[in-house]
Amino acid sequence: MLLLVGLEDLSYEETARIIGSPVGTVMSRLSRGRERLRALLAGVELPIGAQLKVVK
């Protein structure tokens, strides 16, 4: 999904149609995927299901 929305520039709705899921599912999975990517790039290993707390 990160590739479809981020690189292919598809909308959430288009991505939802392609993968056969509701738009809300696309949005939540993208949020979790971006969070994991941020953690990986920062060198933090997150267990499956864990959330990264971003402090601004």
C-alpha atoms as a PDB file:
ATOM      1  CA  MET A   1       0.000   0.000   0.000  1.00  0.00           C
ATOM      2  CA  LEU A   2       2.842   2.377   0.719  1.00  0.00           C
ATOM      3  CA  LEU A   3       3.982   1.899  -2.856  1.00  0.00           C
ATOM      4  CA  LEU A   4       0.540   2.398  -4.354  1.00  0.00           C
ATOM      5  CA  VAL A   5      -0.175   5.610  -2.468  1.00  0.00           C
ATOM      6  CA  GLY A   6       3.354   6.959  -2.069  1.00  0.00           C
ATOM      7  CA  LEU A   7       5.030   6.096  -5.345  1.00  0.00           C
ATOM      8  CA  GLU A   8       2.172   5.408  -7.753  1.00  0.00           C
ATOM      9  CA  ASP A   9       0.276   8.443  -6.404  1.00  0.00           C
ATOM     10  CA  LEU A  10      -3.031   6.575  -6.140  1.00  0.00           C
ATOM     11  CA  SER A  11      -5.791   7.845  -3.875  1.00  0.00           C
ATOM     12  CA  TYR A  12      -6.949   5.909  -0.828  1.00  0.00           C
ATOM     13  CA  GLU A  13     -10.134   5.052  -2.723  1.00  0.00           C
ATOM     14  CA  GLU A  14      -8.230   3.709  -5.746  1.00  0.00           C
ATOM     15  CA  THR A  15      -5.948   1.681  -3.491  1.00  0.00           C
ATOM     16  CA  ALA A  16      -8.948   0.270  -1.613  1.00  0.00           C
ATOM     17  CA  ARG A  17     -10.516  -0.873  -4.885  1.00  0.00           C
ATOM     18  CA  ILE A  18      -7.279  -2.517  -6.030  1.00  0.00           C
ATOM     19  CA  ILE A  19      -6.725  -4.483  -2.825  1.00  0.00           C
ATOM     20  CA  GLY A  20     -10.424  -5.130  -2.185  1.00  0.00           C
ATOM     21  CA  SER A  21     -10.595  -3.527   1.259  1.00  0.00           C
ATOM     22  CA  PRO A  22     -12.521  -0.609   2.756  1.00  0.00           C
ATOM     23  CA  VAL A  23     -10.914   2.848   2.629  1.00  0.00           C
ATOM     24  CA  GLY A  24     -10.633   2.884   6.441  1.00  0.00           C
ATOM     25  CA  THR A  25      -8.518  -0.278   6.300  1.00  0.00           C
ATOM     26  CA  VAL A  26      -6.207   1.321   3.736  1.00  0.00           C
ATOM     27  CA  MET A  27      -5.829   4.415   5.922  1.00  0.00           C
ATOM     28  CA  SER A  28      -5.067   2.480   9.109  1.00  0.00           C
ATOM     29  CA  ARG A  29      -2.595   0.122   7.402  1.00  0.00           C
ATOM     30  CA  LEU A  30      -0.824   3.062   5.772  1.00  0.00           C
ATOM     31  CA  SER A  31      -0.559   4.773   9.136  1.00  0.00           C
ATOM     32  CA  ARG A  32       0.970   1.664  10.728  1.00  0.00           C
ATOM     33  CA  GLY A  33       3.241   1.084   7.753  1.00  0.00           C
ATOM     34  CA  ARG A  34       4.563   4.648   7.822  1.00  0.00           C
ATOM     35  CA  GLU A  35       5.127   4.335  11.559  1.00  0.00           C
ATOM     36  CA  ARG A  36       7.150   1.130  11.118  1.00  0.00           C
ATOM     37  CA  LEU A  37       9.139   2.663   8.271  1.00  0.00           C
ATOM     38  CA  ARG A  38      10.007   5.688  10.453  1.00  0.00           C
ATOM     39  CA  ALA A  39      11.150   3.326  13.213  1.00  0.00           C
ATOM     40  CA  LEU A  40      13.261   1.238  10.834  1.00  0.00           C
ATOM     41  CA  LEU A  41      14.904   4.319   9.365  1.00  0.00           C
ATOM     42  CA  ALA A  42      15.643   5.547  12.893  1.00  0.00           C
ATOM     43  CA  GLY A  43      17.240   2.200  13.750  1.00  0.00           C
ATOM     44  CA  VAL A  44      14.520   1.195  16.200  1.00  0.00           C
ATOM     45  CA  GLU A  45      13.226  -2.373  15.988  1.00  0.00           C
ATOM     46  CA  LEU A  46       9.543  -2.598  16.837  1.00  0.00           C
ATOM     47  CA  PRO A  47       7.868  -5.894  17.684  1.00  0.00           C
ATOM     48  CA  ILE A  48       4.814  -6.749  15.601  1.00  0.00           C
ATOM     49  CA  GLY A  49       1.847  -4.749  16.846  1.00  0.00           C
ATOM     50  CA  ALA A  50       3.958  -2.230  18.772  1.00  0.00           C
ATOM     51  CA  GLN A  51       3.529   1.466  18.172  1.00  0.00           C
ATOM     52  CA  LEU A  52       6.205   4.111  17.964  1.00  0.00           C
ATOM     53  CA  LYS A  53       5.502   7.150  20.098  1.00  0.00           C
ATOM     54  CA  VAL A  54       6.580  10.234  18.178  1.00  0.00           C
ATOM     55  CA  VAL A  55       7.484  13.214  20.349  1.00  0.00           C
ATOM     56  CA  LYS A  56       7.348  16.561  18.615  1.00  0.00           C
END
